[in-house]
Amino acid sequence: MTVTYPTHPLHGRTFTVVSVSRHPRDVGYVVVAYRDAIRLRLPIPATDLSSSSTRMPRTKWTSVAIHTFLALVAEGSPCPKP
């Protein structure tokens, strides 16, 4: 399994899969072997195990953050013309 999410710290690294858990209401996670005794839990959408339609967005903005930002923009006054 390879980490494919561009901003993930492990992007491009390949790991051996220990287990995969998928839940209908969750993104699902894959547990991978890292070094000898360490196990890492990664979201499936950040890996090549994800279908292309469910990949994580490239933005770090959540929908709540976007709505909040747009509300602030709507409240603001226009910039003065030079």
Protein backbone atom coordinates (compact mmCIF):
# COMPACT_ATOMS: atom_id res chain seq x y z
CA MET A 1 0.00 0.00 0.00
CA THR A 2 1.30 3.47 -0.90
CA VAL A 3 0.39 6.81 0.66
CA THR A 4 -0.91 8.92 -2.23
CA TYR A 5 -2.30 12.03 -0.47
CA PRO A 6 0.07 14.84 -1.58
CA THR A 7 0.28 16.73 1.73
CA HIS A 8 0.52 13.66 3.97
CA PRO A 9 3.92 13.46 5.72
CA LEU A 10 4.37 9.90 4.45
CA HIS A 11 3.40 10.70 0.84
CA GLY A 12 5.04 8.31 -1.60
CA ARG A 13 6.05 5.77 1.03
CA THR A 14 5.01 2.14 0.64
CA PHE A 15 4.04 -0.10 3.57
CA THR A 16 2.94 -3.66 4.25
CA VAL A 17 -0.77 -3.86 5.15
CA VAL A 18 -1.58 -5.47 8.50
CA SER A 19 -5.35 -4.91 8.43
CA VAL A 20 -8.06 -2.84 6.79
CA SER A 21 -11.25 -1.60 8.43
CA ARG A 22 -14.06 -0.06 6.40
CA HIS A 23 -17.21 1.29 7.96
CA PRO A 24 -20.20 2.74 6.06
CA ARG A 25 -20.20 5.94 8.15
CA ASP A 26 -16.45 6.39 8.34
CA VAL A 27 -13.61 6.86 5.86
CA GLY A 28 -12.05 3.56 6.93
CA TYR A 29 -8.50 2.95 8.00
CA VAL A 30 -5.61 0.74 7.05
CA VAL A 31 -3.11 -0.43 9.66
CA VAL A 32 0.38 -0.81 8.23
CA ALA A 33 3.69 -2.14 9.51
CA TYR A 34 6.31 0.53 10.11
CA ARG A 35 9.77 -0.67 11.02
CA ASP A 36 9.72 -3.72 13.28
CA ALA A 37 7.17 -3.26 16.04
CA ILE A 38 5.39 -0.05 15.09
CA ARG A 39 1.92 0.00 13.52
CA LEU A 40 0.49 3.09 11.83
CA ARG A 41 -3.22 3.77 11.26
CA LEU A 42 -3.83 5.70 8.04
CA PRO A 43 -7.13 6.86 6.51
CA ILE A 44 -7.91 4.80 3.40
CA PRO A 45 -8.60 7.91 1.26
CA ALA A 46 -4.95 8.93 1.78
CA THR A 47 -3.76 5.70 0.17
CA ASP A 48 -3.87 3.88 -3.14
CA LEU A 49 -6.49 1.54 -1.62
CA SER A 50 -9.04 4.29 -2.16
CA SER A 51 -11.12 4.54 -5.29
CA SER A 52 -10.48 7.75 -7.21
CA SER A 53 -13.99 9.02 -6.45
CA THR A 54 -13.40 8.95 -2.68
CA ARG A 55 -9.91 10.43 -2.51
CA MET A 56 -9.29 13.15 0.03
CA PRO A 57 -9.59 16.70 -1.28
CA ARG A 58 -6.35 18.59 -1.89
CA THR A 59 -7.45 21.45 0.35
CA LYS A 60 -7.09 21.62 4.11
CA TRP A 61 -10.20 23.79 4.32
CA THR A 62 -13.24 22.07 5.77
CA SER A 63 -16.73 22.90 4.55
CA VAL A 64 -17.36 24.72 7.86
CA ALA A 65 -14.24 26.84 7.38
CA ILE A 66 -15.29 27.74 3.84
CA HIS A 67 -18.80 28.76 4.96
CA THR A 68 -17.36 30.83 7.81
CA PHE A 69 -14.92 32.54 5.45
CA LEU A 70 -17.67 33.33 2.95
CA ALA A 71 -19.84 34.76 5.73
CA LEU A 72 -16.97 37.04 6.79
CA VAL A 73 -16.46 38.18 3.21
CA ALA A 74 -20.18 38.94 2.87
CA GLU A 75 -20.11 41.05 6.04
CA GLY A 76 -17.07 43.08 5.01
CA SER A 77 -17.07 46.39 3.21
CA PRO A 78 -15.56 46.66 -0.27
CA CYS A 79 -11.98 47.82 -0.61
CA PRO A 80 -11.60 51.51 -1.44
CA LYS A 81 -10.72 52.27 -5.05
CA PRO A 82 -7.23 53.69 -5.61
